Amino acid sequence: MRPASCGELGGQAAGGRSGGPHSRSEARRRRLSTEFSTAVEFSQTRVQGTWRSTDLHLAPGVPALLRVEGRLLPLPGGAALEAEQVEALADAVLAERGRSELARSGSVDGALTHAGVRFRFNVARRQGGLSVALRRLEDAFTSLAELGLPESLYALCELPDGLVLVSGPTGSGKSTTLASLIHRINQTRPCHVVTIEDPVEYVHPPQRALVNQREVGPDTPDFNTALVASLRQDPDVILVGEIRDLDTIRTAITAAETGHLVFTTVHAGDCVSSIERLVAVFPADEQGGVRRQLALVLRAVIAQHLLPARDAGGDAPRRRVLVSEILRSTPAVANLIASGKSSQLYSTLETGAALGMQTLEHDLARLLQAGRIERATAELLAKSPQLLEDRLRLLERRAPTRRTGRQR
């Protein structure tokens, strides 16, 4: 693969602009095809053995950079990119709406499919030029077990109503977890699913369910507008890609209260902070009422992180593994949320294993015991090394009786 191909296409793009509207459209179509063929090659490049990258970063003055198992690495043998090369790919990605949005706000998010490969992209202005970030989206759904989550969470797909939160930092696999849950609903429930995403990442062709996917930008101006409209579309299940403002949070809670099953994500590190993050968005005089509403509608919180797997040595790929904390709604949990005693939910998580709950420390200890992560990695995420050690000892005492059980 020759990194210069982007630059060559930049020349083609410049030449295409001299013709009429049809020739310019055809030039853009050819440029889009070739540029994305290059991007597909980038995303499938093998780095250090058999690893495949998940993200491609393009910026002037540096080689193309690939994110491989969480680490950013330069494309082997890649030359520094010219500003014109980056602009050529950005122009090929953006439609007219995208170019006007870039001029207005300085950045554009979107998704598109090329040659059977789906990409999420961001184009942004920086220091007088442009940068492009491309993420190659998976074309197959992953089961909860394959992700590293308990299959008991599929029970959430059968709920008639309520609110389910999936939380974690950026890049922790929240969208993939939600896609697995929506895929199960699509396979098993004759219902109407409305998704509101920015952008649409996983495409759900209707199976048993009718699935209508809407993208912020092309289909709706913002999350809240689409969410309000969805309540008039006879939905059974609503997926909101992210709730990040007061109006959207308020509407999502209302939707859950009025008989809809709502899935959404929030940026938070654990289950308790996920709840507190939603509450904190509201003015102080409304927070008590919001807590009571959440106590009634919240069904589960799944907080997850992706951690580097234990180094297998040699050229073996160093994958990432998922660690999770799970809170399920019970009368005791609802009472603590309603009364503003969220800090006491940690004790409930500790004692709620029989109800499908687990703390981050419990799951870290499980992965550590299985030899899948390094101790130093586990200690960085645990609330304290001593708490992690206590959970590890507890698992070791139970190991003889659990050895014959099926590992999730």
Protein backbone atom coordinates (compact mmCIF):
# COMPACT_ATOMS: atom_id res chain seq x y z
CA MET A 1 0.00 0.00 0.00
CA ARG A 2 1.38 3.43 -0.96
CA PRO A 3 0.47 6.33 1.34
CA ALA A 4 0.99 8.62 -1.67
CA SER A 5 -2.30 7.43 -3.11
CA CYS A 6 -4.15 10.07 -1.11
CA GLY A 7 -2.00 12.78 -2.62
CA GLU A 8 -2.48 11.44 -6.12
CA LEU A 9 -6.20 11.57 -5.57
CA GLY A 10 -5.90 15.09 -4.26
CA GLY A 11 -4.60 15.99 -7.73
CA GLN A 12 -7.54 14.22 -9.33
CA ALA A 13 -9.90 16.15 -7.10
CA ALA A 14 -8.40 19.45 -8.11
CA GLY A 15 -8.73 18.55 -11.77
CA GLY A 16 -12.35 17.43 -11.36
CA ARG A 17 -13.43 20.82 -10.11
CA SER A 18 -12.84 22.49 -13.47
CA GLY A 19 -15.77 20.70 -15.15
CA GLY A 20 -19.50 21.12 -14.80
CA PRO A 21 -21.70 19.81 -11.96
CA HIS A 22 -21.87 16.33 -13.49
CA SER A 23 -18.09 16.03 -13.90
CA ARG A 24 -17.54 17.35 -10.38
CA SER A 25 -20.01 14.81 -8.98
CA GLU A 26 -18.35 12.01 -10.94
CA ALA A 27 -14.91 13.13 -9.80
CA ARG A 28 -16.09 13.14 -6.18
CA ARG A 29 -17.60 9.67 -6.62
CA ARG A 30 -14.33 8.29 -8.02
CA ARG A 31 -12.35 10.07 -5.32
CA LEU A 32 -14.59 8.72 -2.57
CA SER A 33 -14.24 5.19 -3.94
CA THR A 34 -10.47 5.31 -4.19
CA GLU A 35 -9.86 7.18 -0.94
CA PHE A 36 -12.00 4.75 1.00
CA SER A 37 -10.35 1.79 -0.67
CA THR A 38 -7.15 3.23 0.76
CA ALA A 39 -8.80 3.62 4.16
CA VAL A 40 -10.00 0.00 4.06
CA GLU A 41 -6.43 -1.05 3.33
CA PHE A 42 -5.21 1.06 6.25
CA SER A 43 -7.78 -0.46 8.61
CA GLN A 44 -6.83 -4.00 7.64
CA THR A 45 -3.07 -3.46 7.73
CA ARG A 46 -1.28 -6.04 9.82
CA VAL A 47 0.87 -4.52 12.51
CA GLN A 48 3.10 -6.65 14.73
CA GLY A 49 1.84 -10.04 13.62
CA THR A 50 -1.85 -10.58 13.07
CA TRP A 51 -3.31 -7.52 14.79
CA ARG A 52 -5.84 -5.40 12.96
CA SER A 53 -6.39 -1.75 13.75
CA THR A 54 -9.69 -0.28 14.85
CA ASP A 55 -9.01 3.39 14.10
CA LEU A 56 -7.11 5.39 11.51
CA HIS A 57 -5.88 8.94 12.24
CA LEU A 58 -4.77 11.28 9.47
CA ALA A 59 -3.17 14.67 10.14
CA PRO A 60 -0.69 16.82 8.20
CA GLY A 61 2.97 16.38 8.99
CA VAL A 62 2.81 12.87 10.48
CA PRO A 63 2.33 9.39 9.00
CA ALA A 64 -1.04 7.71 9.19
CA LEU A 65 -1.54 6.41 12.73
CA LEU A 66 -3.36 3.19 13.60
CA ARG A 67 -4.95 2.29 16.93
CA VAL A 68 -4.05 -1.32 17.61
CA GLU A 69 -5.42 -2.95 20.78
CA GLY A 70 -5.72 0.47 22.41
CA ARG A 71 -2.29 1.79 21.39
CA LEU A 72 -1.59 4.36 18.68
CA LEU A 73 1.12 3.17 16.26
CA PRO A 74 2.46 4.70 13.01
CA LEU A 75 1.68 2.89 9.80
CA PRO A 76 4.79 0.80 9.03
CA GLY A 77 6.79 2.50 6.29
CA GLY A 78 4.30 5.35 6.02
CA ALA A 79 5.52 8.78 5.00
CA ALA A 80 4.37 12.02 6.61
CA LEU A 81 1.12 13.20 5.05
CA GLU A 82 0.77 16.50 3.21
CA ALA A 83 -2.07 18.83 4.14
CA GLU A 84 -3.50 18.37 0.63
CA GLN A 85 -3.63 14.60 1.11
CA VAL A 86 -5.65 14.90 4.31
CA GLU A 87 -7.96 17.49 2.74
CA ALA A 88 -8.55 15.21 -0.26
CA LEU A 89 -9.85 12.39 1.93
CA ALA A 90 -11.87 14.79 4.09
CA ASP A 91 -13.51 16.26 1.00
CA ALA A 92 -14.26 12.78 -0.32
CA VAL A 93 -15.94 11.81 2.98
CA LEU A 94 -18.07 14.90 3.37
CA ALA A 95 -21.28 15.52 1.46
CA GLU A 96 -22.52 19.08 0.93
CA ARG A 97 -24.25 19.08 4.34
CA GLY A 98 -21.04 17.96 5.98
CA ARG A 99 -18.96 20.64 4.34
CA SER A 100 -21.34 23.37 5.47
CA GLU A 101 -21.37 21.93 9.00
CA LEU A 102 -17.57 21.86 9.01
CA ALA A 103 -17.48 25.51 8.00
CA ARG A 104 -20.02 26.39 10.70
CA SER A 105 -18.86 24.38 13.72
CA GLY A 106 -15.34 23.23 12.88
CA SER A 107 -16.03 19.48 13.09
CA VAL A 108 -18.35 16.89 11.58
CA ASP A 109 -19.31 13.38 12.70
CA GLY A 110 -20.83 10.79 10.42
CA ALA A 111 -20.88 7.23 9.17
CA LEU A 112 -20.96 5.62 5.76
CA THR A 113 -20.50 2.29 4.03
CA HIS A 114 -17.95 1.67 1.32
CA ALA A 115 -17.09 -1.62 -0.39
CA GLY A 116 -19.05 -3.50 2.24
CA VAL A 117 -17.11 -1.90 5.10
CA ARG A 118 -18.83 0.56 7.43
CA PHE A 119 -16.92 3.51 8.86
CA ARG A 120 -17.57 6.11 11.53
CA PHE A 121 -15.68 9.32 10.87
CA ASN A 122 -14.86 12.69 12.34
CA VAL A 123 -13.41 15.54 10.33
CA ALA A 124 -12.14 18.52 12.32
CA ARG A 125 -10.31 21.77 11.71
CA ARG A 126 -6.97 22.10 13.50
CA GLN A 127 -4.24 24.73 13.21
CA GLY A 128 -5.43 25.95 9.85
CA GLY A 129 -5.76 22.45 8.37
CA LEU A 130 -7.87 19.35 8.79
CA SER A 131 -7.60 16.08 10.68
CA VAL A 132 -9.58 12.91 9.96
CA ALA A 133 -10.37 10.06 12.34
CA LEU A 134 -11.89 6.91 10.85
CA ARG A 135 -13.16 3.93 12.83
CA ARG A 136 -13.83 0.67 11.03
CA LEU A 137 -17.12 -0.66 12.40
CA GLU A 138 -17.70 -4.35 12.84
CA ASP A 139 -20.02 -5.93 10.30
CA ALA A 140 -21.17 -8.75 12.60
CA PHE A 141 -22.97 -8.69 15.93
CA THR A 142 -21.23 -10.11 18.98
CA SER A 143 -22.93 -12.10 21.72
CA LEU A 144 -22.74 -10.94 25.32
CA ALA A 145 -20.65 -14.00 26.19
CA GLU A 146 -18.16 -13.14 23.44
CA LEU A 147 -17.95 -9.60 24.77
CA GLY A 148 -17.28 -10.86 28.29
CA LEU A 149 -20.66 -10.00 29.81
CA PRO A 150 -23.01 -12.45 31.56
CA GLU A 151 -25.72 -13.88 29.34
CA SER A 152 -28.22 -13.21 32.13
CA LEU A 153 -28.28 -9.62 30.84
CA TYR A 154 -30.35 -10.82 27.88
CA ALA A 155 -33.27 -10.75 30.32
CA LEU A 156 -33.19 -6.96 29.93
CA CYS A 157 -34.35 -7.44 26.33
CA GLU A 158 -37.63 -8.93 27.57
CA LEU A 159 -38.58 -6.04 29.85
CA PRO A 160 -41.80 -4.23 28.91
CA ASP A 161 -40.56 -0.81 30.03
CA GLY A 162 -37.94 1.04 32.05
CA LEU A 163 -34.50 2.58 31.61
CA VAL A 164 -31.27 0.64 31.03
CA LEU A 165 -27.96 2.54 31.20
CA VAL A 166 -24.68 1.38 29.68
CA SER A 167 -21.81 3.50 30.95
CA GLY A 168 -18.06 3.75 30.57
CA PRO A 169 -15.37 5.98 29.13
CA THR A 170 -15.02 6.69 25.42
CA GLY A 171 -13.93 3.59 23.53
CA SER A 172 -15.10 1.11 26.15
CA GLY A 173 -17.49 -0.74 23.85
CA LYS A 174 -20.79 0.78 24.97
CA SER A 175 -22.19 0.89 21.44
CA THR A 176 -21.22 -2.74 20.87
CA THR A 177 -23.00 -3.84 24.05
CA LEU A 178 -26.14 -1.95 23.07
CA ALA A 179 -25.97 -3.40 19.56
CA SER A 180 -25.88 -6.92 21.02
CA LEU A 181 -28.97 -6.21 23.12
CA ILE A 182 -30.91 -4.62 20.25
CA HIS A 183 -29.89 -7.51 17.99
CA ARG A 184 -31.38 -9.97 20.50
CA ILE A 185 -34.62 -7.95 20.61
CA ASN A 186 -34.69 -7.89 16.81
CA GLN A 187 -34.32 -11.68 16.76
CA THR A 188 -36.87 -12.52 19.44
CA ARG A 189 -39.57 -9.82 19.84
CA PRO A 190 -42.30 -8.78 17.40
CA CYS A 191 -42.08 -5.12 18.37
CA HIS A 192 -41.17 -1.67 17.07
CA VAL A 193 -37.63 -0.46 17.81
CA VAL A 194 -36.60 3.16 17.19
CA THR A 195 -32.90 4.03 17.48
CA ILE A 196 -31.49 7.57 17.60
CA GLU A 197 -27.75 7.60 17.03
CA ASP A 198 -24.90 9.96 16.21
CA PRO A 199 -23.95 8.36 13.90
CA VAL A 200 -25.64 5.04 13.14
CA GLU A 201 -22.93 2.44 13.75
CA TYR A 202 -24.51 -1.00 13.61
CA VAL A 203 -27.23 -1.53 11.00
CA HIS A 204 -30.14 -3.73 12.14
CA PRO A 205 -32.10 -5.13 9.18
CA PRO A 206 -35.62 -5.94 10.49
CA GLN A 207 -36.09 -9.56 11.55
CA ARG A 208 -38.91 -10.24 14.02
CA ALA A 209 -38.92 -6.58 14.99
CA LEU A 210 -39.47 -3.47 12.91
CA VAL A 211 -36.28 -1.43 13.43
CA ASN A 212 -36.20 2.23 12.38
CA GLN A 213 -32.77 3.82 12.79
CA ARG A 214 -32.42 7.60 12.76
CA GLU A 215 -29.15 9.51 12.60
CA VAL A 216 -28.56 12.94 14.12
CA GLY A 217 -27.81 15.27 11.23
CA PRO A 218 -29.29 13.59 8.16
CA ASP A 219 -32.54 12.50 9.83
CA THR A 220 -33.03 14.77 12.85
CA PRO A 221 -31.39 17.93 14.21
CA ASP A 222 -30.65 16.51 17.67
CA PHE A 223 -31.31 13.66 20.10
CA ASN A 224 -34.14 15.31 21.99
CA THR A 225 -36.12 16.30 18.89
CA ALA A 226 -35.98 12.72 17.63
CA LEU A 227 -36.79 11.31 21.07
CA VAL A 228 -39.88 13.49 21.44
CA ALA A 229 -40.98 12.53 17.92
CA SER A 230 -40.40 8.83 18.64
CA LEU A 231 -43.07 8.88 21.34
CA ARG A 232 -45.62 9.51 18.57
CA GLN A 233 -44.31 6.63 16.44
CA ASP A 234 -45.78 3.78 18.51
CA PRO A 235 -42.41 2.40 19.71
CA ASP A 236 -41.94 -0.47 22.13
CA VAL A 237 -38.16 -0.03 22.47
CA ILE A 238 -36.14 3.17 22.09
CA LEU A 239 -32.36 3.38 21.88
CA VAL A 240 -30.80 6.79 22.47
CA GLY A 241 -27.13 6.72 21.51
CA GLU A 242 -26.19 9.11 24.31
CA ILE A 243 -28.02 11.33 26.76
CA ARG A 244 -25.87 14.37 27.43
CA ASP A 245 -28.22 17.29 28.09
CA LEU A 246 -31.06 18.05 30.47
CA ASP A 247 -33.90 17.96 27.92
CA THR A 248 -32.86 14.59 26.49
CA ILE A 249 -32.46 13.06 29.96
CA ARG A 250 -35.86 14.39 30.99
CA THR A 251 -37.53 13.02 27.85
CA ALA A 252 -35.81 9.63 28.22
CA ILE A 253 -37.10 9.29 31.78
CA THR A 254 -40.59 10.29 30.64
CA ALA A 255 -40.46 7.70 27.85
CA ALA A 256 -39.52 5.01 30.36
CA GLU A 257 -42.34 6.14 32.65
CA THR A 258 -44.92 5.93 29.87
CA GLY A 259 -44.43 2.27 29.03
CA HIS A 260 -41.36 2.19 26.77
CA LEU A 261 -38.12 0.28 27.21
CA VAL A 262 -35.30 2.80 26.80
CA PHE A 263 -31.62 1.93 26.33
CA THR A 264 -28.98 4.64 26.43
CA THR A 265 -25.36 5.40 27.34
CA VAL A 266 -23.66 7.81 29.69
CA HIS A 267 -19.99 8.62 30.25
CA ALA A 268 -19.23 7.45 33.79
CA GLY A 269 -16.83 5.04 35.42
CA ASP A 270 -19.14 2.94 37.58
CA CYS A 271 -22.81 2.33 38.32
CA VAL A 272 -23.19 4.82 41.16
CA SER A 273 -21.50 7.67 39.29
CA SER A 274 -23.73 6.89 36.28
CA ILE A 275 -26.82 7.62 38.37
CA GLU A 276 -25.29 10.68 39.99
CA ARG A 277 -24.20 12.05 36.61
CA LEU A 278 -27.80 12.04 35.38
CA VAL A 279 -29.10 13.66 38.55
CA ALA A 280 -26.40 16.35 38.60
CA VAL A 281 -27.52 17.71 35.21
CA PHE A 282 -30.77 18.98 36.79
CA PRO A 283 -31.10 22.16 38.89
CA ALA A 284 -30.78 21.56 42.63
CA ASP A 285 -34.48 22.13 43.28
CA GLU A 286 -35.40 19.37 40.79
CA GLN A 287 -32.90 16.72 41.85
CA GLY A 288 -35.08 15.18 44.56
CA GLY A 289 -37.91 14.61 42.11
CA VAL A 290 -35.54 13.22 39.47
CA ARG A 291 -34.15 10.74 42.00
CA ARG A 292 -37.67 9.51 42.71
CA GLN A 293 -38.38 9.17 38.99
CA LEU A 294 -35.15 7.25 38.43
CA ALA A 295 -35.97 4.96 41.33
CA LEU A 296 -39.20 4.02 39.55
CA VAL A 297 -37.89 3.53 36.02
CA LEU A 298 -34.27 2.37 36.31
CA ARG A 299 -33.93 -1.33 35.54
CA ALA A 300 -30.16 -1.82 35.29
CA VAL A 301 -26.81 -0.09 34.95
CA ILE A 302 -23.91 -1.78 33.14
CA ALA A 303 -20.60 0.02 33.66
CA GLN A 304 -17.76 -1.31 31.53
CA HIS A 305 -14.10 -0.74 30.71
CA LEU A 306 -11.72 -2.29 28.19
CA LEU A 307 -8.37 -3.30 29.66
CA PRO A 308 -5.18 -4.57 28.01
CA ALA A 309 -4.96 -8.34 28.24
CA ARG A 310 -2.00 -10.04 29.85
CA ASP A 311 1.01 -10.01 27.53
CA ALA A 312 1.30 -13.45 25.95
CA GLY A 313 4.87 -12.77 24.86
CA GLY A 314 6.47 -12.93 21.43
CA ASP A 315 4.43 -11.69 18.50
CA ALA A 316 1.08 -12.87 19.90
CA PRO A 317 -1.56 -10.14 19.75
CA ARG A 318 -2.27 -8.36 23.01
CA ARG A 319 -6.03 -8.16 22.97
CA ARG A 320 -8.25 -6.13 25.26
CA VAL A 321 -10.72 -7.65 27.67
CA LEU A 322 -13.93 -6.22 29.10
CA VAL A 323 -14.47 -5.74 32.82
CA SER A 324 -17.89 -4.72 34.09
CA GLU A 325 -19.91 -3.63 37.08
CA ILE A 326 -23.62 -4.49 37.04
CA LEU A 327 -26.43 -3.00 39.11
CA ARG A 328 -29.92 -4.47 38.87
CA SER A 329 -33.04 -2.78 40.18
CA THR A 330 -34.56 -4.12 43.39
CA PRO A 331 -36.85 -2.49 45.98
CA ALA A 332 -33.77 -1.84 48.14
CA VAL A 333 -31.88 -0.26 45.23
CA ALA A 334 -34.88 1.91 44.32
CA ASN A 335 -35.22 3.08 47.92
CA LEU A 336 -31.55 4.10 48.12
CA ILE A 337 -31.78 6.03 44.83
CA ALA A 338 -35.00 7.80 45.84
CA SER A 339 -33.64 8.81 49.23
CA GLY A 340 -30.35 10.14 47.84
CA LYS A 341 -28.22 7.44 49.48
CA SER A 342 -26.47 6.34 46.32
CA SER A 343 -23.18 5.81 48.16
CA GLN A 344 -24.79 2.86 49.97
CA LEU A 345 -25.40 1.14 46.63
CA TYR A 346 -21.85 -0.22 46.79
CA SER A 347 -22.89 -2.46 49.68
CA THR A 348 -25.88 -3.66 47.65
CA LEU A 349 -23.60 -4.44 44.71
CA GLU A 350 -21.32 -6.44 47.01
CA THR A 351 -24.15 -8.61 48.31
CA GLY A 352 -26.27 -8.84 45.16
CA ALA A 353 -24.47 -11.60 43.26
CA ALA A 354 -27.50 -13.90 43.45
CA LEU A 355 -29.52 -11.16 41.70
CA GLY A 356 -26.99 -10.73 38.88
CA MET A 357 -25.03 -7.85 40.39
CA GLN A 358 -21.27 -7.49 40.60
CA THR A 359 -18.70 -4.85 41.48
CA LEU A 360 -15.78 -3.87 39.29
CA GLU A 361 -13.47 -5.39 41.91
CA HIS A 362 -15.27 -8.73 41.71
CA ASP A 363 -14.90 -8.86 37.93
CA LEU A 364 -11.29 -7.67 38.09
CA ALA A 365 -10.55 -10.48 40.55
CA ARG A 366 -12.20 -12.98 38.20
CA LEU A 367 -10.05 -11.85 35.27
CA LEU A 368 -6.94 -11.78 37.43
CA GLN A 369 -7.60 -15.28 38.74
CA ALA A 370 -8.08 -16.52 35.16
CA GLY A 371 -4.72 -15.00 34.18
CA ARG A 372 -6.28 -12.67 31.62
CA ILE A 373 -4.98 -9.35 32.98
CA GLU A 374 -1.92 -8.17 34.90
CA ARG A 375 -2.23 -7.35 38.60
CA ALA A 376 -0.96 -3.82 38.00
CA THR A 377 -3.73 -3.29 35.44
CA ALA A 378 -6.38 -4.48 37.89
CA GLU A 379 -5.06 -2.31 40.71
CA LEU A 380 -5.22 0.82 38.55
CA LEU A 381 -8.99 0.43 38.10
CA ALA A 382 -9.89 -0.99 41.52
CA LYS A 383 -11.03 1.41 44.24
CA SER A 384 -8.20 0.10 46.39
CA PRO A 385 -5.61 -2.70 46.12
CA GLN A 386 -6.83 -4.15 49.42
CA LEU A 387 -10.42 -4.39 48.19
CA LEU A 388 -9.20 -6.20 45.08
CA GLU A 389 -7.13 -8.57 47.20
CA ASP A 390 -10.15 -9.34 49.39
CA ARG A 391 -12.24 -10.22 46.33
CA LEU A 392 -9.45 -12.38 44.93
CA ARG A 393 -9.17 -14.35 48.17
CA LEU A 394 -12.93 -14.84 48.22
CA LEU A 395 -12.85 -16.25 44.69
CA GLU A 396 -9.95 -18.53 45.56
CA ARG A 397 -11.88 -19.96 48.53
CA ARG A 398 -14.85 -20.64 46.26
CA ALA A 399 -12.78 -22.02 43.37
CA PRO A 400 -13.11 -25.77 44.21
CA THR A 401 -16.90 -25.58 44.15
CA ARG A 402 -17.07 -23.44 41.01
CA ARG A 403 -14.49 -25.21 38.88
CA THR A 404 -17.05 -27.37 37.11
CA GLY A 405 -19.33 -24.43 36.32
CA ARG A 406 -19.47 -22.98 32.84
CA GLN A 407 -17.22 -19.96 32.48
CA ARG A 408 -19.05 -17.00 31.11
